[in-house]
C-alpha atoms as a PDB file:
ATOM      1  CA  MET A   1      78.623 -16.428 272.332  1.00  0.00           C
ATOM      2  CA  VAL A   2      75.761 -16.385 269.849  1.00  0.00           C
ATOM      3  CA  ASP A   3      76.590 -15.877 266.195  1.00  0.00           C
ATOM      4  CA  GLU A   4      74.906 -13.142 264.158  1.00  0.00           C
ATOM      5  CA  GLY A   5      72.835 -15.665 262.188  1.00  0.00           C
ATOM      6  CA  GLY A   6      71.497 -17.156 265.390  1.00  0.00           C
ATOM      7  CA  THR A   7      70.640 -13.727 266.770  1.00  0.00           C
ATOM      8  CA  ALA A   8      68.807 -12.729 263.601  1.00  0.00           C
ATOM      9  CA  SER A   9      66.927 -16.017 263.583  1.00  0.00           C
ATOM     10  CA  GLU A  10      65.948 -15.646 267.232  1.00  0.00           C
ATOM     11  CA  GLU A  11      64.770 -12.074 266.661  1.00  0.00           C
ATOM     12  CA  ARG A  12      62.672 -13.159 263.680  1.00  0.00           C
ATOM     13  CA  ASP A  13      61.158 -16.073 265.587  1.00  0.00           C
ATOM     14  CA  GLY A  14      60.474 -13.755 268.502  1.00  0.00           C
ATOM     15  CA  ALA A  15      58.713 -11.276 266.255  1.00  0.00           C
ATOM     16  CA  LEU A  16      56.610 -14.051 264.772  1.00  0.00           C
ATOM     17  CA  GLU A  17      55.748 -15.464 268.168  1.00  0.00           C
ATOM     18  CA  THR A  18      54.778 -12.049 269.486  1.00  0.00           C
ATOM     19  CA  ASP A  19      52.481 -11.471 266.558  1.00  0.00           C
ATOM     20  CA  MET A  20      51.031 -14.935 266.218  1.00  0.00           C
ATOM     21  CA  LEU A  21      50.450 -16.046 269.791  1.00  0.00           C
ATOM     22  CA  VAL A  22      48.171 -13.609 271.590  1.00  0.00           C
ATOM     23  CA  SER A  23      45.869 -14.120 274.533  1.00  0.00           C
ATOM     24  CA  PRO A  24      42.586 -15.982 273.894  1.00  0.00           C
ATOM     25  CA  ARG A  25      40.650 -12.816 274.772  1.00  0.00           C
ATOM     26  CA  ARG A  26      42.505 -10.719 272.209  1.00  0.00           C
ATOM     27  CA  THR A  27      42.152 -13.487 269.653  1.00  0.00           C
ATOM     28  CA  ALA A  28      38.388 -13.614 270.145  1.00  0.00           C
ATOM     29  CA  LEU A  29      38.127  -9.821 269.940  1.00  0.00           C
ATOM     30  CA  ARG A  30      40.129  -9.696 266.723  1.00  0.00           C
ATOM     31  CA  ALA A  31      38.063 -12.504 265.227  1.00  0.00           C
ATOM     32  CA  HIS A  32      34.808 -10.722 266.119  1.00  0.00           C
ATOM     33  CA  ARG A  33      35.952  -7.444 264.583  1.00  0.00           C
ATOM     34  CA  GLY A  34      37.220  -9.255 261.512  1.00  0.00           C
ATOM     35  CA  GLU A  35      33.913 -11.041 261.070  1.00  0.00           C
ATOM     36  CA  ILE A  36      32.018  -7.735 261.221  1.00  0.00           C
ATOM     37  CA  VAL A  37      34.258  -6.078 258.637  1.00  0.00           C
ATOM     38  CA  PHE A  38      34.229  -9.165 256.429  1.00  0.00           C
ATOM     39  CA  GLY A  39      30.445  -9.440 256.607  1.00  0.00           C
ATOM     40  CA  ALA A  40      29.932  -5.763 255.758  1.00  0.00           C
ATOM     41  CA  ALA A  41      32.341  -6.006 252.810  1.00  0.00           C
ATOM     42  CA  LEU A  42      30.623  -9.157 251.570  1.00  0.00           C
ATOM     43  CA  ILE A  43      27.165  -7.544 251.661  1.00  0.00           C
ATOM     44  CA  LEU A  44      28.395  -4.427 249.870  1.00  0.00           C
ATOM     45  CA  TYR A  45      30.240  -6.469 247.248  1.00  0.00           C
ATOM     46  CA  ALA A  46      27.230  -8.728 246.633  1.00  0.00           C
ATOM     47  CA  ALA A  47      24.963  -5.706 246.136  1.00  0.00           C
ATOM     48  CA  LEU A  48      27.456  -4.000 243.824  1.00  0.00           C
ATOM     49  CA  ALA A  49      28.004  -7.186 241.804  1.00  0.00           C
ATOM     50  CA  GLY A  50      24.258  -7.698 241.447  1.00  0.00           C
ATOM     51  CA  PHE A  51      23.739  -4.210 240.062  1.00  0.00           C
ATOM     52  CA  ALA A  52      26.807  -4.546 237.810  1.00  0.00           C
ATOM     53  CA  HIS A  53      25.244  -7.646 236.303  1.00  0.00           C
ATOM     54  CA  TYR A  54      22.299  -5.589 235.033  1.00  0.00           C
ATOM     55  CA  TYR A  55      23.871  -2.167 234.445  1.00  0.00           C
ATOM     56  CA  ALA A  56      26.812  -1.527 232.096  1.00  0.00           C
ATOM     57  CA  TYR A  57      27.770   1.467 234.234  1.00  0.00           C
ATOM     58  CA  PHE A  58      26.299   3.872 236.762  1.00  0.00           C
ATOM     59  CA  GLY A  59      25.823   7.615 236.445  1.00  0.00           C
ATOM     60  CA  TRP A  60      28.516   8.348 238.998  1.00  0.00           C
ATOM     61  CA  ASP A  61      30.839   5.983 237.110  1.00  0.00           C
ATOM     62  CA  LEU A  62      30.788   8.222 234.063  1.00  0.00           C
ATOM     63  CA  GLU A  63      31.248  11.458 235.999  1.00  0.00           C
ATOM     64  CA  LEU A  64      34.101  10.139 238.147  1.00  0.00           C
ATOM     65  CA  GLU A  65      35.898   8.475 235.233  1.00  0.00           C
ATOM     66  CA  ARG A  66      35.817  11.647 233.171  1.00  0.00           C
ATOM     67  CA  SER A  67      37.127  13.630 236.156  1.00  0.00           C
ATOM     68  CA  ILE A  68      40.043  11.238 236.637  1.00  0.00           C
ATOM     69  CA  GLN A  69      40.850  11.199 232.934  1.00  0.00           C
ATOM     70  CA  ALA A  70      40.929  15.005 232.969  1.00  0.00           C
ATOM     71  CA  ILE A  71      43.984  14.986 235.281  1.00  0.00           C
ATOM     72  CA  THR A  72      46.920  16.603 233.447  1.00  0.00           C
ATOM     73  CA  LEU A  73      49.663  16.625 236.081  1.00  0.00           C
ATOM     74  CA  PRO A  74      53.203  16.297 234.630  1.00  0.00           C
ATOM     75  CA  GLY A  75      54.228  12.636 234.455  1.00  0.00           C
ATOM     76  CA  PHE A  76      50.819  11.382 235.603  1.00  0.00           C
ATOM     77  CA  ASN A  77      50.057   9.637 232.317  1.00  0.00           C
ATOM     78  CA  THR A  78      53.397   7.819 232.363  1.00  0.00           C
ATOM     79  CA  LEU A  79      52.955   6.824 236.012  1.00  0.00           C
ATOM     80  CA  MET A  80      49.503   5.380 235.358  1.00  0.00           C
ATOM     81  CA  ARG A  81      50.776   3.350 232.418  1.00  0.00           C
ATOM     82  CA  LEU A  82      53.741   1.991 234.374  1.00  0.00           C
ATOM     83  CA  VAL A  83      51.630   0.973 237.357  1.00  0.00           C
ATOM     84  CA  SER A  84      49.093  -0.744 235.121  1.00  0.00           C
ATOM     85  CA  MET A  85      51.831  -2.622 233.248  1.00  0.00           C
ATOM     86  CA  ILE A  86      52.713  -4.501 236.438  1.00  0.00           C
ATOM     87  CA  GLY A  87      49.407  -6.350 236.164  1.00  0.00           C
ATOM     88  CA  ASN A  88      49.598  -7.047 232.423  1.00  0.00           C
ATOM     89  CA  GLY A  89      50.177 -10.399 230.711  1.00  0.00           C
ATOM     90  CA  ARG A  90      52.688 -12.705 232.369  1.00  0.00           C
ATOM     91  CA  VAL A  91      54.127 -10.070 234.678  1.00  0.00           C
ATOM     92  CA  PRO A  92      51.967 -11.176 237.654  1.00  0.00           C
ATOM     93  CA  VAL A  93      53.058 -14.795 237.145  1.00  0.00           C
ATOM     94  CA  ALA A  94      56.708 -13.714 237.128  1.00  0.00           C
ATOM     95  CA  LEU A  95      56.292 -11.561 240.241  1.00  0.00           C
ATOM     96  CA  VAL A  96      54.533 -14.298 242.217  1.00  0.00           C
ATOM     97  CA  SER A  97      57.148 -16.842 241.120  1.00  0.00           C
ATOM     98  CA  ILE A  98      60.025 -14.583 242.182  1.00  0.00           C
ATOM     99  CA  ALA A  99      58.371 -13.809 245.520  1.00  0.00           C
ATOM    100  CA  GLY A 100      57.634 -17.487 246.122  1.00  0.00           C
ATOM    101  CA  LEU A 101      61.206 -18.552 245.382  1.00  0.00           C
ATOM    102  CA  THR A 102      62.581 -15.755 247.561  1.00  0.00           C
ATOM    103  CA  LEU A 103      60.416 -16.806 250.495  1.00  0.00           C
ATOM    104  CA  LEU A 104      61.328 -20.439 249.949  1.00  0.00           C
ATOM    105  CA  PHE A 105      65.038 -19.561 249.848  1.00  0.00           C
ATOM    106  CA  ALA A 106      64.570 -17.673 253.124  1.00  0.00           C
ATOM    107  CA  ARG A 107      63.053 -20.852 254.623  1.00  0.00           C
ATOM    108  CA  LEU A 108      59.638 -19.253 254.936  1.00  0.00           C
ATOM    109  CA  ARG A 109      57.722 -22.202 253.521  1.00  0.00           C
ATOM    110  CA  ILE A 110      54.303 -21.329 254.929  1.00  0.00           C
ATOM    111  CA  GLU A 111      54.641 -17.755 253.669  1.00  0.00           C
ATOM    112  CA  CYS A 112      55.574 -19.073 250.223  1.00  0.00           C
ATOM    113  CA  LEU A 113      52.642 -21.495 250.205  1.00  0.00           C
ATOM    114  CA  ILE A 114      50.055 -18.875 251.135  1.00  0.00           C
ATOM    115  CA  CYS A 115      51.450 -16.305 248.725  1.00  0.00           C
ATOM    116  CA  VAL A 116      51.519 -18.559 245.662  1.00  0.00           C
ATOM    117  CA  ILE A 117      48.356 -20.584 246.257  1.00  0.00           C
ATOM    118  CA  GLY A 118      46.405 -17.623 247.635  1.00  0.00           C
ATOM    119  CA  VAL A 119      47.118 -15.310 244.704  1.00  0.00           C
ATOM    120  CA  ALA A 120      46.595 -18.053 242.105  1.00  0.00           C
ATOM    121  CA  SER A 121      43.297 -19.155 243.678  1.00  0.00           C
ATOM    122  CA  GLY A 122      42.109 -15.566 243.916  1.00  0.00           C
ATOM    123  CA  ALA A 123      42.812 -15.015 240.228  1.00  0.00           C
ATOM    124  CA  GLY A 124      40.885 -18.143 239.279  1.00  0.00           C
ATOM    125  CA  LEU A 125      37.911 -17.180 241.429  1.00  0.00           C
ATOM    126  CA  ASN A 126      37.914 -13.697 239.922  1.00  0.00           C
ATOM    127  CA  ARG A 127      37.657 -15.132 236.416  1.00  0.00           C
ATOM    128  CA  LEU A 128      34.535 -17.033 237.446  1.00  0.00           C
ATOM    129  CA  PHE A 129      32.934 -13.895 238.864  1.00  0.00           C
ATOM    130  CA  LYS A 130      33.832 -11.944 235.728  1.00  0.00           C
ATOM    131  CA  ALA A 131      32.164 -14.555 233.525  1.00  0.00           C
ATOM    132  CA  TRP A 132      29.020 -14.627 235.690  1.00  0.00           C
ATOM    133  CA  ILE A 133      28.592 -10.856 236.003  1.00  0.00           C
ATOM    134  CA  SER A 134      29.553 -10.352 232.354  1.00  0.00           C
ATOM    135  CA  ARG A 135      29.797  -6.577 232.478  1.00  0.00           C
ATOM    136  CA  PRO A 136      31.110  -4.832 229.330  1.00  0.00           C
ATOM    137  CA  ARG A 137      34.179  -2.608 229.400  1.00  0.00           C
ATOM    138  CA  PRO A 138      34.010   1.177 229.049  1.00  0.00           C
ATOM    139  CA  THR A 139      33.843   2.282 225.426  1.00  0.00           C
ATOM    140  CA  GLU A 140      34.383   5.407 223.383  1.00  0.00           C
ATOM    141  CA  PRO A 141      32.992   8.003 222.953  1.00  0.00           C
ATOM    142  CA  LEU A 142      31.736   7.799 226.547  1.00  0.00           C
ATOM    143  CA  VAL A 143      35.302   7.839 227.866  1.00  0.00           C
ATOM    144  CA  GLN A 144      38.804   7.691 226.447  1.00  0.00           C
ATOM    145  CA  VAL A 145      39.995   4.098 226.095  1.00  0.00           C
ATOM    146  CA  VAL A 146      43.770   3.653 225.882  1.00  0.00           C
ATOM    147  CA  TYR A 147      43.774  -0.152 225.678  1.00  0.00           C
ATOM    148  CA  ASN A 148      41.006  -2.327 224.265  1.00  0.00           C
ATOM    149  CA  VAL A 149      40.553  -5.421 226.460  1.00  0.00           C
ATOM    150  CA  ALA A 150      38.352  -8.359 225.501  1.00  0.00           C
ATOM    151  CA  HIS A 151      37.638  -9.742 228.986  1.00  0.00           C
ATOM    152  CA  GLU A 152      34.684  -8.710 231.140  1.00  0.00           C
ATOM    153  CA  SER A 153      34.948  -5.594 233.274  1.00  0.00           C
ATOM    154  CA  PHE A 154      33.683  -6.355 236.807  1.00  0.00           C
ATOM    155  CA  PRO A 155      35.660  -6.658 239.003  1.00  0.00           C
ATOM    156  CA  SER A 156      39.095  -5.361 237.981  1.00  0.00           C
ATOM    157  CA  GLY A 157      41.590  -8.222 237.814  1.00  0.00           C
ATOM    158  CA  HIS A 158      44.543  -5.842 238.108  1.00  0.00           C
ATOM    159  CA  VAL A 159      43.248  -4.406 241.367  1.00  0.00           C
ATOM    160  CA  ILE A 160      42.487  -7.824 242.831  1.00  0.00           C
ATOM    161  CA  PHE A 161      45.997  -9.052 241.979  1.00  0.00           C
ATOM    162  CA  PHE A 162      47.629  -6.000 243.548  1.00  0.00           C
ATOM    163  CA  ILE A 163      45.604  -6.347 246.760  1.00  0.00           C
ATOM    164  CA  GLU A 164      46.243 -10.076 247.110  1.00  0.00           C
ATOM    165  CA  PHE A 165      49.924  -9.997 246.136  1.00  0.00           C
ATOM    166  CA  PHE A 166      51.241  -6.643 247.327  1.00  0.00           C
ATOM    167  CA  GLY A 167      48.784  -6.653 250.222  1.00  0.00           C
ATOM    168  CA  PHE A 168      50.123  -9.982 251.486  1.00  0.00           C
ATOM    169  CA  LEU A 169      53.716  -8.804 251.001  1.00  0.00           C
ATOM    170  CA  PHE A 170      52.805  -5.675 252.986  1.00  0.00           C
ATOM    171  CA  PHE A 171      51.545  -7.904 255.800  1.00  0.00           C
ATOM    172  CA  LEU A 172      54.670 -10.085 255.720  1.00  0.00           C
ATOM    173  CA  CYS A 173      56.972  -7.066 255.736  1.00  0.00           C
ATOM    174  CA  TYR A 174      55.076  -5.618 258.685  1.00  0.00           C
ATOM    175  CA  VAL A 175      55.256  -8.894 260.617  1.00  0.00           C
ATOM    176  CA  LEU A 176      58.697 -10.216 259.705  1.00  0.00           C
ATOM    177  CA  LEU A 177      60.998  -7.252 259.138  1.00  0.00           C
ATOM    178  CA  LYS A 178      62.649  -5.292 261.926  1.00  0.00           C
ATOM    179  CA  PRO A 179      61.750  -1.577 262.104  1.00  0.00           C
ATOM    180  CA  GLY A 180      64.065   0.427 259.882  1.00  0.00           C
ATOM    181  CA  VAL A 181      64.587   1.947 256.455  1.00  0.00           C
ATOM    182  CA  VAL A 182      64.118  -1.319 254.548  1.00  0.00           C
ATOM    183  CA  ARG A 183      60.832  -2.056 256.299  1.00  0.00           C
ATOM    184  CA  ARG A 184      59.470   1.448 255.780  1.00  0.00           C
ATOM    185  CA  PHE A 185      60.485   1.412 252.116  1.00  0.00           C
ATOM    186  CA  ALA A 186      58.870  -1.986 251.482  1.00  0.00           C
ATOM    187  CA  LEU A 187      55.634  -0.982 253.215  1.00  0.00           C
ATOM    188  CA  ALA A 188      55.497   2.311 251.327  1.00  0.00           C
ATOM    189  CA  GLN A 189      56.056   0.629 247.962  1.00  0.00           C
ATOM    190  CA  CYS A 190      53.443  -2.083 248.498  1.00  0.00           C
ATOM    191  CA  GLY A 191      50.899   0.365 249.864  1.00  0.00           C
ATOM    192  CA  THR A 192      51.446   2.972 247.150  1.00  0.00           C
ATOM    193  CA  LEU A 193      51.160   0.475 244.292  1.00  0.00           C
ATOM    194  CA  THR A 194      47.970  -0.982 245.738  1.00  0.00           C
ATOM    195  CA  ALA A 195      46.432   2.479 246.021  1.00  0.00           C
ATOM    196  CA  LEU A 196      47.519   3.691 242.574  1.00  0.00           C
ATOM    197  CA  VAL A 197      46.451   0.675 240.515  1.00  0.00           C
ATOM    198  CA  GLY A 198      42.770   1.463 240.964  1.00  0.00           C
ATOM    199  CA  VAL A 199      43.269   5.011 239.702  1.00  0.00           C
ATOM    200  CA  SER A 200      45.362   3.766 236.775  1.00  0.00           C
ATOM    201  CA  ARG A 201      42.696   1.350 235.541  1.00  0.00           C
ATOM    202  CA  VAL A 202      40.081   4.092 235.519  1.00  0.00           C
ATOM    203  CA  TYR A 203      42.437   6.668 234.018  1.00  0.00           C
ATOM    204  CA  LEU A 204      43.326   4.331 231.129  1.00  0.00           C
ATOM    205  CA  GLY A 205      39.667   3.605 230.426  1.00  0.00           C
ATOM    206  CA  ALA A 206      40.036  -0.102 231.187  1.00  0.00           C
ATOM    207  CA  HIS A 207      37.426  -0.101 233.977  1.00  0.00           C
ATOM    208  CA  TRP A 208      34.621   1.872 235.506  1.00  0.00           C
ATOM    209  CA  PRO A 209      35.187   3.187 239.049  1.00  0.00           C
ATOM    210  CA  SER A 210      32.581   0.698 240.330  1.00  0.00           C
ATOM    211  CA  ASP A 211      34.668  -2.126 238.813  1.00  0.00           C
ATOM    212  CA  VAL A 212      37.604  -0.900 240.870  1.00  0.00           C
ATOM    213  CA  LEU A 213      35.514  -0.518 244.028  1.00  0.00           C
ATOM    214  CA  GLY A 214      34.220  -4.061 243.623  1.00  0.00           C
ATOM    215  CA  ALA A 215      37.769  -5.325 243.159  1.00  0.00           C
ATOM    216  CA  TYR A 216      39.011  -3.604 246.307  1.00  0.00           C
ATOM    217  CA  LEU A 217      36.171  -5.223 248.256  1.00  0.00           C
ATOM    218  CA  ALA A 218      36.660  -8.683 246.739  1.00  0.00           C
ATOM    219  CA  GLY A 219      40.440  -8.529 246.952  1.00  0.00           C
ATOM    220  CA  GLY A 220      40.293  -7.266 250.519  1.00  0.00           C
ATOM    221  CA  MET A 221      38.082 -10.157 251.597  1.00  0.00           C
ATOM    222  CA  TRP A 222      40.368 -12.699 249.920  1.00  0.00           C
ATOM    223  CA  LEU A 223      43.442 -11.101 251.490  1.00  0.00           C
ATOM    224  CA  PHE A 224      41.724 -11.331 254.875  1.00  0.00           C
ATOM    225  CA  LEU A 225      41.217 -15.072 254.337  1.00  0.00           C
ATOM    226  CA  MET A 226      44.847 -15.500 253.219  1.00  0.00           C
ATOM    227  CA  ILE A 227      46.104 -13.802 256.368  1.00  0.00           C
ATOM    228  CA  GLU A 228      43.793 -15.796 258.621  1.00  0.00           C
ATOM    229  CA  VAL A 229      44.955 -19.096 257.104  1.00  0.00           C
ATOM    230  CA  TYR A 230      48.555 -17.959 257.436  1.00  0.00           C
ATOM    231  CA  ARG A 231      48.141 -17.002 261.085  1.00  0.00           C
ATOM    232  CA  ARG A 232      46.555 -20.365 261.929  1.00  0.00           C
ATOM    233  CA  LEU A 233      49.242 -22.360 260.144  1.00  0.00           C
ATOM    234  CA  LYS A 234      52.018 -20.287 261.702  1.00  0.00           C
ATOM    235  CA  SER A 235      50.549 -20.590 265.186  1.00  0.00           C
ATOM    236  CA  LYS A 236      50.344 -24.358 264.743  1.00  0.00           C
ATOM    237  CA  GLN A 237      53.957 -24.473 263.578  1.00  0.00           C
ATOM    238  CA  LEU A 238      55.155 -22.404 266.546  1.00  0.00           C
ATOM    239  CA  ARG A 239      53.303 -24.650 269.008  1.00  0.00           C
ATOM    240  CA  GLU A 240      54.783 -27.766 267.406  1.00  0.00           C
ATOM    241  CA  ASP A 241      58.269 -26.236 267.503  1.00  0.00           C
ATOM    242  CA  ALA A 242      57.782 -25.326 271.174  1.00  0.00           C
ATOM    243  CA  VAL A 243      56.738 -28.896 272.008  1.00  0.00           C
ATOM    244  CA  GLY A 244      59.709 -30.259 270.083  1.00  0.00           C
ATOM    245  CA  ILE A 245      62.154 -27.993 271.916  1.00  0.00           C
ATOM    246  CA  GLY A 246      60.583 -28.808 275.279  1.00  0.00           C
END
């Protein structure tokens, strides 16, 4: 007989192996598609960053921001504040630390490594881009500013953190968890938070919409790199484990 722990472990390893080890043809096809998407995102981000370096905001920035700030749905203001708070101060550090320890406790060392180092490195790189582009934040009376922030505006650090952190957790939940209520709930939470944070930063007057767009592009590219590194390390681990068992 096989105990429940062994069965769960085998199912998890099987899910990982199914996802990580695909045919060389499929691997090449995925890599080609990924390179195209990555290249397009990089070109668009570079163009947007270049313009943001010279322009404090664009005409469509002002129109779109005012439209978003005009939303008066019941509870919308509170929701936007709560979502934005997740990226404030030391909260991101606490969330990454908790996630890292949880993954480590679950014996998912590679997942822990990529999550912690990937998010931390992405945050550091974003600070460098902010300093170089040096775009000012939105100001009154152009738009309503709820919180005055001293750091540069482009790209949004909140959005980049959400994409790198919750985006990677979304990927892990999709790969590692068995289909069911827990998996659907985790995917929905990670996806919803990642989508809402961009709206919240504009609604609160912390960023221009173009700051948010740039952050989604930059964060998406970094998340792509995190996942690619993870897949390579995991594939190597699975091959080594297979050789050891054989």
